[in-house]
């Protein structure tokens, strides 16, 4: 086919948060090297700010903010190739939460009905999958490729799909696209060229409570006091006015500001790209962040905290068997956890740049086969496991939250691109832009403040 070479591919990425945008855009470039990437940011609570987009380090040739109905309408027009200003996409990466992914699959099935050559659809997970496995996985069923980030994930994904009779042919072994980077060199710290740097990578929602978050913050500061020769860095995900994939009710930086007078001189806060922070890290400490996998891939000593227990709500149970579980007491005493090589291999951690790249080979091959089929007879209609027949008490409510009826059609009160035609289009757009700003301010600033007042 004329457009089958990777350099000629046009890839669309739909994302609903900064971390999912990072995963989606980087995955697109890994499985379709050289492709032109058009990003669509889904309007909502976690729509990334310009600062967040710049920080994640994943760029697009074009970037558009849309709601679900707008996105679906545009994909229908592009696939039909009826508008020369909207050329069709070859691949669509859905980098969204499970419910949104399911809604998009049903909406796309509708807008692509009768289309001769629809795009290939790819989805997956941003990182460690430690909760709601069956729920999230079945919501992603229906995509042509469901990427599994490790051999461990591939086995779990196939077992669930086959176990419900959905079929697991879409499950595709892959790797996390942000693994790799500079391999850890302990030399500079050992030679005294710089202080040993301990980075505590915090998470927006784990743990949730004020007491637990204050405890972890206090232990990080106490470690800095106990080891004045070290530099202790609190690595933050977002600023208080921003949201990521998960809601952060009690930002660490606000808790830290209240204790500013108690900060040790060797303690500081840091934002920025995680990969850049890891370049100078000698020990990564976290509760259960996917940053642990990035750190382990670079051979950086990594500690997954047990202070609050090893519990499913914390996600640190995922690291059982890794050899990385440790407490702040043990870290204070100089512990440097050694990761188990078999556990690392099962998680797709190769500690080798060539190995990381090899992890995308199967996905590239399967995508190429899909595109060949698309150029010939065309791809079959999307067929998610959940339908009004298999989940009549669940699916309609899920679709309605995204402005769709049980058939994937826009609900009557939902705006579409066609509705914006005419003399009043500019004013409608202005009103909707203002409404988006008001919604974002309420969701990201006012609502968390009200919830914090309720905890006083």
Protein backbone atom coordinates (compact mmCIF):
# COMPACT_ATOMS: atom_id res chain seq x y z
CA UNK A 1 0.00 0.00 0.00
CA UNK A 2 1.15 3.49 -0.67
CA UNK A 3 0.97 4.69 2.94
CA UNK A 4 2.27 1.59 4.75
CA UNK A 5 5.79 2.84 5.48
CA UNK A 6 6.17 4.08 9.06
CA UNK A 7 7.25 7.55 7.92
CA UNK A 8 4.00 7.98 5.99
CA UNK A 9 1.68 6.96 8.81
CA UNK A 10 -0.70 9.42 10.43
CA UNK A 11 -1.39 8.59 14.07
CA UNK A 12 -3.98 10.18 16.35
CA UNK A 13 -3.64 10.01 20.15
CA UNK A 14 -6.61 10.74 22.42
CA UNK A 15 -5.53 11.40 26.02
CA UNK A 16 -7.35 12.58 29.15
CA UNK A 17 -4.42 13.46 31.45
CA UNK A 18 -0.75 14.41 31.33
CA UNK A 19 0.53 10.93 32.16
CA UNK A 20 -1.74 9.27 29.61
CA UNK A 21 -0.69 11.80 26.99
CA UNK A 22 2.93 10.94 27.72
CA UNK A 23 2.23 7.20 27.40
CA UNK A 24 0.07 7.57 24.29
CA UNK A 25 2.37 9.90 22.35
CA UNK A 26 5.56 7.99 23.19
CA UNK A 27 3.89 4.64 22.43
CA UNK A 28 2.71 5.97 19.06
CA UNK A 29 6.26 6.92 18.12
CA UNK A 30 7.63 3.57 19.32
CA UNK A 31 5.20 1.38 17.37
CA UNK A 32 5.08 3.68 14.34
CA UNK A 33 8.53 5.34 14.17
CA UNK A 34 8.58 8.54 12.16
CA UNK A 35 4.80 8.86 12.06
CA UNK A 36 3.06 12.23 12.20
CA UNK A 37 1.26 12.44 15.56
CA UNK A 38 -1.91 14.48 16.05
CA UNK A 39 -2.84 14.80 19.71
CA UNK A 40 -6.38 15.21 21.00
CA UNK A 41 -6.70 16.27 24.65
CA UNK A 42 -10.05 15.30 26.09
CA UNK A 43 -11.65 18.17 27.96
CA UNK A 44 -12.25 17.35 31.63
CA UNK A 45 -10.98 17.52 35.18
CA UNK A 46 -7.45 16.35 34.33
CA UNK A 47 -6.89 18.10 30.99
CA UNK A 48 -3.16 18.93 31.16
CA UNK A 49 -1.92 22.50 31.34
CA UNK A 50 0.78 23.86 29.06
CA UNK A 51 3.32 23.45 31.87
CA UNK A 52 2.40 19.79 32.30
CA UNK A 53 2.60 19.17 28.56
CA UNK A 54 6.05 20.73 28.40
CA UNK A 55 7.21 18.69 31.40
CA UNK A 56 6.29 15.23 30.11
CA UNK A 57 8.50 15.64 27.04
CA UNK A 58 6.11 14.15 24.48
CA UNK A 59 5.42 16.41 21.52
CA UNK A 60 2.89 16.24 18.70
CA UNK A 61 2.76 17.69 15.20
CA UNK A 62 -0.68 19.05 16.09
CA UNK A 63 -2.58 19.30 19.37
CA UNK A 64 -6.32 19.90 19.77
CA UNK A 65 -8.59 20.06 22.82
CA UNK A 66 -11.97 18.40 22.29
CA UNK A 67 -14.90 16.82 24.05
CA UNK A 68 -15.93 13.23 23.35
CA UNK A 69 -18.67 14.02 20.84
CA UNK A 70 -16.45 16.43 18.89
CA UNK A 71 -13.69 13.85 18.75
CA UNK A 72 -16.01 11.13 17.43
CA UNK A 73 -17.55 13.42 14.82
CA UNK A 74 -14.12 14.39 13.48
CA UNK A 75 -12.95 10.77 13.35
CA UNK A 76 -16.01 9.87 11.31
CA UNK A 77 -15.34 12.66 8.81
CA UNK A 78 -11.67 11.78 8.54
CA UNK A 79 -12.24 8.06 8.00
CA UNK A 80 -14.82 8.78 5.33
CA UNK A 81 -12.17 10.87 3.53
CA UNK A 82 -14.84 13.33 2.50
CA UNK A 83 -13.02 16.44 3.67
CA UNK A 84 -9.59 17.14 2.12
CA UNK A 85 -8.80 19.41 5.09
CA UNK A 86 -9.18 16.40 7.39
CA UNK A 87 -7.03 13.58 5.98
CA UNK A 88 -7.73 10.11 7.42
CA UNK A 89 -5.66 8.63 10.22
CA UNK A 90 -4.01 5.23 9.91
CA UNK A 91 -3.75 4.50 13.63
CA UNK A 92 -5.66 5.74 16.67
CA UNK A 93 -4.18 5.36 20.16
CA UNK A 94 -6.73 5.61 22.97
CA UNK A 95 -4.73 6.74 26.02
CA UNK A 96 -7.66 7.17 28.39
CA UNK A 97 -9.21 5.76 31.54
CA UNK A 98 -11.12 2.52 30.98
CA UNK A 99 -14.63 3.97 30.92
CA UNK A 100 -13.65 6.64 28.41
CA UNK A 101 -11.92 4.06 26.25
CA UNK A 102 -15.06 1.90 26.21
CA UNK A 103 -17.25 4.87 25.30
CA UNK A 104 -14.91 5.82 22.47
CA UNK A 105 -14.90 2.27 21.13
CA UNK A 106 -18.71 2.27 20.93
CA UNK A 107 -18.80 5.77 19.47
CA UNK A 108 -16.14 4.92 16.90
CA UNK A 109 -17.97 1.74 15.92
CA UNK A 110 -20.94 3.96 15.06
CA UNK A 111 -19.11 6.72 13.15
CA UNK A 112 -17.07 4.13 11.23
CA UNK A 113 -20.07 2.01 10.27
CA UNK A 114 -19.85 1.51 6.52
CA UNK A 115 -16.41 3.17 6.26
CA UNK A 116 -14.17 1.27 3.87
CA UNK A 117 -10.87 1.72 5.69
CA UNK A 118 -11.08 2.65 9.34
CA UNK A 119 -7.91 3.26 11.42
CA UNK A 120 -6.34 0.54 13.55
CA UNK A 121 -7.14 1.15 17.24
CA UNK A 122 -4.54 0.68 19.97
CA UNK A 123 -4.91 1.01 23.74
CA UNK A 124 -3.20 -0.10 26.95
CA UNK A 125 -2.09 1.00 30.40
CA UNK A 126 0.16 3.86 31.50
CA UNK A 127 2.13 1.76 33.98
CA UNK A 128 1.74 -0.67 36.86
CA UNK A 129 -1.71 -2.31 36.87
CA UNK A 130 -2.36 -3.06 40.53
CA UNK A 131 -6.10 -2.41 40.93
CA UNK A 132 -9.40 -2.93 39.06
CA UNK A 133 -7.68 -5.30 36.67
CA UNK A 134 -10.73 -7.10 35.28
CA UNK A 135 -12.84 -3.93 35.26
CA UNK A 136 -10.31 -1.80 33.41
CA UNK A 137 -9.25 -4.56 31.06
CA UNK A 138 -12.77 -5.45 29.90
CA UNK A 139 -13.45 -1.75 29.32
CA UNK A 140 -10.50 -1.77 26.90
CA UNK A 141 -11.71 -4.85 25.01
CA UNK A 142 -12.68 -4.08 21.44
CA UNK A 143 -9.47 -2.33 20.39
CA UNK A 144 -7.40 -4.04 17.70
CA UNK A 145 -4.34 -4.07 19.96
CA UNK A 146 -4.42 -4.07 23.77
CA UNK A 147 -0.79 -3.55 24.77
CA UNK A 148 0.63 -5.50 27.72
CA UNK A 149 3.69 -3.88 29.24
CA UNK A 150 5.31 -7.09 30.48
CA UNK A 151 5.13 -10.91 30.30
CA UNK A 152 3.31 -10.77 33.64
CA UNK A 153 0.64 -8.43 32.26
CA UNK A 154 0.30 -10.46 29.08
CA UNK A 155 -0.52 -13.61 31.05
CA UNK A 156 -3.05 -11.78 33.23
CA UNK A 157 -4.72 -10.02 30.30
CA UNK A 158 -5.12 -13.21 28.27
CA UNK A 159 -6.51 -15.12 31.24
CA UNK A 160 -9.21 -12.52 31.84
CA UNK A 161 -10.25 -12.15 28.21
CA UNK A 162 -10.32 -15.90 27.62
CA UNK A 163 -12.03 -16.45 30.97
CA UNK A 164 -15.06 -14.36 30.00
CA UNK A 165 -15.13 -15.70 26.46
CA UNK A 166 -14.11 -12.41 24.90
CA UNK A 167 -11.05 -13.74 23.06
CA UNK A 168 -7.51 -12.60 23.74
CA UNK A 169 -6.15 -12.18 20.20
CA UNK A 170 -5.85 -8.42 20.71
CA UNK A 171 -3.44 -8.76 23.68
CA UNK A 172 -0.03 -7.73 22.40
CA UNK A 173 3.28 -7.87 24.30
CA UNK A 174 4.97 -4.50 24.46
CA UNK A 175 6.96 -2.32 26.87
CA UNK A 176 6.53 0.95 28.69
CA UNK A 177 7.67 3.64 26.23
CA UNK A 178 9.45 5.77 28.83
CA UNK A 179 11.80 3.04 30.03
CA UNK A 180 15.47 3.38 29.21
CA UNK A 181 17.63 6.41 29.73
CA UNK A 182 21.11 6.69 31.19
CA UNK A 183 22.24 3.67 33.17
CA UNK A 184 23.01 4.42 36.81
CA UNK A 185 26.61 5.32 37.63
CA UNK A 186 27.37 5.42 41.39
CA UNK A 187 30.83 6.87 40.72
CA UNK A 188 30.13 10.64 41.09
CA UNK A 189 28.55 10.22 44.54
CA UNK A 190 31.14 7.68 45.70
CA UNK A 191 33.98 9.99 44.67
CA UNK A 192 32.39 12.93 46.46
CA UNK A 193 31.78 14.88 43.25
CA UNK A 194 28.20 15.45 44.38
CA UNK A 195 26.06 14.45 47.38
CA UNK A 196 24.27 11.10 47.38
CA UNK A 197 20.79 11.99 46.14
CA UNK A 198 17.71 10.29 47.60
CA UNK A 199 14.52 11.01 45.63
CA UNK A 200 11.13 10.38 47.20
CA UNK A 201 8.71 10.10 44.25
CA UNK A 202 5.26 10.92 45.63
CA UNK A 203 1.88 10.03 44.15
CA UNK A 204 -1.31 12.11 43.89
CA UNK A 205 -3.64 9.60 45.56
CA UNK A 206 -1.47 7.06 47.39
CA UNK A 207 -1.79 7.32 50.32
CA UNK A 208 -4.91 9.48 50.56
CA UNK A 209 -5.15 10.53 54.20
CA UNK A 210 -3.58 13.63 55.75
CA UNK A 211 -1.98 11.68 58.61
CA UNK A 212 -0.30 9.15 56.29
CA UNK A 213 0.94 11.78 53.86
CA UNK A 214 2.24 13.94 56.69
CA UNK A 215 4.00 10.91 58.15
CA UNK A 216 5.79 10.11 54.88
CA UNK A 217 6.78 13.74 54.41
CA UNK A 218 8.10 13.86 57.96
CA UNK A 219 10.15 10.71 57.43
CA UNK A 220 11.73 12.14 54.29
CA UNK A 221 12.74 15.27 56.21
CA UNK A 222 13.98 13.15 59.12
CA UNK A 223 16.16 11.18 56.71
CA UNK A 224 17.68 14.42 55.50
CA UNK A 225 18.45 15.46 59.08
CA UNK A 226 19.97 12.08 59.90
CA UNK A 227 22.14 12.18 56.77
CA UNK A 228 23.27 15.79 56.29
CA UNK A 229 25.78 14.56 53.71
CA UNK A 230 22.91 13.48 51.45
CA UNK A 231 20.50 15.49 49.33
CA UNK A 232 16.84 14.51 49.80
CA UNK A 233 14.45 15.51 47.02
CA UNK A 234 10.66 15.38 47.17
CA UNK A 235 9.69 14.73 43.53
CA UNK A 236 6.23 16.18 42.89
CA UNK A 237 3.86 15.25 40.07
CA UNK A 238 1.92 18.50 39.67
CA UNK A 239 1.32 21.92 41.14
CA UNK A 240 -1.64 22.45 43.50
CA UNK A 241 -3.81 24.01 40.76
CA UNK A 242 -3.24 21.07 38.41
CA UNK A 243 -4.51 17.51 38.23
CA UNK A 244 -2.95 14.38 36.81
CA UNK A 245 -4.53 10.98 36.21
CA UNK A 246 -5.60 10.81 39.88
CA UNK A 247 -7.08 13.54 42.10
CA UNK A 248 -4.68 14.93 44.70
CA UNK A 249 -6.74 16.21 47.60
CA UNK A 250 -3.78 17.09 49.86
CA UNK A 251 -0.76 18.14 47.76
CA UNK A 252 2.54 17.36 49.43
CA UNK A 253 3.89 20.81 48.63
CA UNK A 254 1.13 22.42 50.70
CA UNK A 255 1.87 20.12 53.62
CA UNK A 256 5.57 20.90 53.19
CA UNK A 257 5.01 24.67 53.06
CA UNK A 258 3.38 24.52 56.48
CA UNK A 259 6.62 23.05 57.80
CA UNK A 260 8.94 25.35 55.84
CA UNK A 261 10.76 26.50 58.95
CA UNK A 262 11.58 22.87 59.79
CA UNK A 263 13.12 22.01 56.42
CA UNK A 264 16.65 20.68 56.68
CA UNK A 265 19.08 22.57 54.43
CA UNK A 266 19.62 19.41 52.35
CA UNK A 267 15.89 18.92 51.63
CA UNK A 268 14.12 20.40 48.61
CA UNK A 269 11.11 20.02 46.32
CA UNK A 270 11.39 19.27 42.60
CA UNK A 271 9.13 19.20 39.57
CA UNK A 272 10.19 18.27 36.07
CA UNK A 273 10.49 15.27 33.78
CA UNK A 274 10.99 12.05 35.75
CA UNK A 275 13.69 10.83 33.41
CA UNK A 276 15.74 13.97 33.98
CA UNK A 277 15.38 13.64 37.75
CA UNK A 278 16.50 10.00 37.60
CA UNK A 279 19.68 11.04 35.77
CA UNK A 280 21.09 12.21 39.10
CA UNK A 281 19.38 9.81 41.51
CA UNK A 282 21.25 7.36 43.75
CA UNK A 283 18.22 5.93 45.59
CA UNK A 284 14.57 6.17 44.56
CA UNK A 285 11.96 5.84 47.30
CA UNK A 286 8.25 5.50 46.58
CA UNK A 287 5.05 3.86 47.81
CA UNK A 288 4.07 2.26 44.51
CA UNK A 289 4.75 4.68 41.66
CA UNK A 290 5.50 3.46 38.14
CA UNK A 291 8.62 5.60 38.57
CA UNK A 292 9.99 2.54 40.40
CA UNK A 293 10.04 0.63 37.10
CA UNK A 294 11.84 3.52 35.38
CA UNK A 295 14.38 3.53 38.20
CA UNK A 296 14.87 -0.24 38.15
CA UNK A 297 15.35 -0.21 34.37
CA UNK A 298 18.33 2.11 34.92
CA UNK A 299 19.70 -0.14 37.75
CA UNK A 300 19.14 2.60 40.34
CA UNK A 301 18.64 1.21 43.88
CA UNK A 302 14.89 1.41 44.49
CA UNK A 303 12.93 1.17 47.75
CA UNK A 304 9.17 0.53 47.85
CA UNK A 305 7.96 1.64 51.27
CA UNK A 306 6.36 -0.74 53.77
CA UNK A 307 5.82 1.85 56.54
CA UNK A 308 2.06 1.98 55.96
CA UNK A 309 1.79 -1.76 55.39
CA UNK A 310 1.90 -3.85 52.23
CA UNK A 311 -1.69 -3.38 51.13
CA UNK A 312 -3.75 -3.45 47.97
CA UNK A 313 -5.09 0.13 48.40
CA UNK A 314 -1.48 1.36 48.42
CA UNK A 315 -0.44 -0.66 45.40
CA UNK A 316 2.85 -1.73 46.97
CA UNK A 317 1.61 -5.33 47.06
CA UNK A 318 2.46 -5.35 43.35
CA UNK A 319 6.15 -5.35 44.32
CA UNK A 320 5.99 -8.50 46.46
CA UNK A 321 8.85 -10.68 45.30
CA UNK A 322 10.78 -7.77 43.81
CA UNK A 323 13.29 -7.51 46.63
CA UNK A 324 12.59 -3.76 46.80
CA UNK A 325 10.31 -3.59 49.85
CA UNK A 326 11.86 -1.54 52.65
CA UNK A 327 10.92 0.88 55.45
CA UNK A 328 12.23 4.35 56.19
CA UNK A 329 13.95 2.88 59.27
CA UNK A 330 15.89 0.51 57.03
CA UNK A 331 16.69 3.31 54.59
CA UNK A 332 17.89 5.46 57.48
CA UNK A 333 20.27 2.65 58.41
CA UNK A 334 21.73 2.59 54.89
CA UNK A 335 19.68 -0.11 53.18
CA UNK A 336 20.02 -0.28 49.37
CA UNK A 337 17.50 -2.86 48.13
CA UNK A 338 18.66 -5.33 45.47
CA UNK A 339 15.99 -6.23 42.92
CA UNK A 340 15.29 -9.88 42.11
CA UNK A 341 16.35 -10.59 38.49
CA UNK A 342 13.53 -13.05 37.81
CA UNK A 343 10.93 -10.56 39.02
CA UNK A 344 12.49 -7.85 36.87
CA UNK A 345 12.39 -10.05 33.76
CA UNK A 346 8.72 -10.86 34.33
CA UNK A 347 8.01 -7.12 34.53
CA UNK A 348 9.74 -6.45 31.24
CA UNK A 349 12.71 -4.77 32.92
CA UNK A 350 15.75 -5.56 30.79
CA UNK A 351 18.26 -2.96 32.07
CA UNK A 352 19.44 -2.74 28.49
CA UNK A 353 18.52 -0.08 25.92
CA UNK A 354 18.44 -2.63 23.11
CA UNK A 355 16.15 -4.83 25.20
CA UNK A 356 13.68 -2.01 25.73
CA UNK A 357 13.56 -1.37 22.00
CA UNK A 358 13.07 -5.07 21.30
CA UNK A 359 10.00 -4.95 23.53
CA UNK A 360 8.13 -3.05 20.81
CA UNK A 361 8.98 -5.44 17.97
CA UNK A 362 5.87 -7.61 18.30
CA UNK A 363 3.58 -4.58 18.51
CA UNK A 364 5.17 -3.09 15.40
CA UNK A 365 4.73 -6.36 13.55
CA UNK A 366 1.09 -6.74 14.52
CA UNK A 367 0.34 -3.13 13.67
CA UNK A 368 1.96 -3.60 10.25
CA UNK A 369 -0.24 -6.66 9.64
CA UNK A 370 -3.35 -4.68 10.60
CA UNK A 371 -2.41 -1.88 8.23
CA UNK A 372 -1.86 -4.36 5.40
CA UNK A 373 -5.30 -5.79 6.05
CA UNK A 374 -6.74 -2.30 6.21
CA UNK A 375 -5.29 -1.49 2.80
CA UNK A 376 -6.79 -4.65 1.36
CA UNK A 377 -10.16 -5.95 2.50
CA UNK A 378 -10.32 -3.47 5.37
CA UNK A 379 -10.50 -4.07 9.10
CA UNK A 380 -13.59 -5.64 10.69
CA UNK A 381 -16.00 -3.49 12.71
CA UNK A 382 -15.01 -2.78 16.30
CA UNK A 383 -16.65 -5.31 18.63
CA UNK A 384 -16.26 -4.52 22.36
CA UNK A 385 -17.12 -7.25 24.87
CA UNK A 386 -19.61 -4.98 26.63
CA UNK A 387 -22.81 -4.44 24.64
CA UNK A 388 -26.40 -3.51 25.58
CA UNK A 389 -27.00 -7.29 25.61
CA UNK A 390 -24.02 -8.42 27.74
CA UNK A 391 -24.08 -5.48 30.18
CA UNK A 392 -27.54 -3.81 29.98
CA UNK A 393 -27.32 -2.45 33.54
CA UNK A 394 -23.81 -1.05 33.17
CA UNK A 395 -22.99 0.07 29.65
CA UNK A 396 -25.81 2.61 29.06
CA UNK A 397 -24.88 4.57 32.20
CA UNK A 398 -21.20 4.49 31.27
CA UNK A 399 -21.89 5.76 27.75
CA UNK A 400 -24.23 8.47 29.04
CA UNK A 401 -21.43 9.91 31.16
CA UNK A 402 -19.61 10.59 27.90
CA UNK A 403 -22.62 12.04 26.09
CA UNK A 404 -23.60 8.88 24.17
CA UNK A 405 -26.72 6.72 24.08
CA UNK A 406 -26.60 2.88 24.13
CA UNK A 407 -26.05 2.83 20.35
CA UNK A 408 -23.06 5.18 20.57
CA UNK A 409 -25.08 8.09 19.19
CA UNK A 410 -24.68 11.57 20.77
CA UNK A 411 -27.39 12.37 23.29
CA UNK A 412 -29.78 15.12 22.22
CA UNK A 413 -28.17 17.85 24.32
CA UNK A 414 -24.60 17.17 23.16
CA UNK A 415 -22.82 19.67 20.88
CA UNK A 416 -21.42 18.47 17.57
CA UNK A 417 -19.23 20.09 14.95
CA UNK A 418 -22.21 20.36 12.63
CA UNK A 419 -24.16 22.26 15.29
CA UNK A 420 -21.49 24.92 15.27
CA UNK A 421 -22.07 25.84 11.63
CA UNK A 422 -23.77 29.13 10.86
CA UNK A 423 -23.54 32.77 11.85
CA UNK A 424 -23.47 32.09 15.60
CA UNK A 425 -20.60 29.58 15.50
CA UNK A 426 -18.03 32.03 16.88
CA UNK A 427 -20.19 33.00 19.84
CA UNK A 428 -20.97 29.37 20.62
CA UNK A 429 -17.28 28.54 20.61
CA UNK A 430 -16.53 31.48 22.91
CA UNK A 431 -19.24 30.42 25.37
CA UNK A 432 -18.02 26.84 25.38
CA UNK A 433 -14.41 27.96 25.86
CA UNK A 434 -15.52 30.07 28.84
CA UNK A 435 -17.52 27.16 30.24
CA UNK A 436 -14.48 24.90 29.95
CA UNK A 437 -12.37 27.37 31.88
CA UNK A 438 -15.01 27.66 34.60
CA UNK A 439 -15.35 23.87 34.82
CA UNK A 440 -11.61 23.36 35.07
CA UNK A 441 -11.29 26.01 37.79
CA UNK A 442 -14.10 24.39 39.75
CA UNK A 443 -12.80 20.84 39.37
CA UNK A 444 -9.15 21.59 39.94
CA UNK A 445 -9.27 24.38 42.55
CA UNK A 446 -12.63 24.96 44.21
CA UNK A 447 -13.77 21.35 44.72
CA UNK A 448 -10.52 20.15 46.37
CA UNK A 449 -10.61 23.20 48.66
CA UNK A 450 -14.15 22.40 49.77
CA UNK A 451 -13.17 18.78 50.41
CA UNK A 452 -10.19 19.90 52.51
CA UNK A 453 -12.46 22.20 54.57
CA UNK A 454 -14.64 19.19 55.25
CA UNK A 455 -11.66 17.39 56.77
CA UNK A 456 -10.81 20.16 59.24
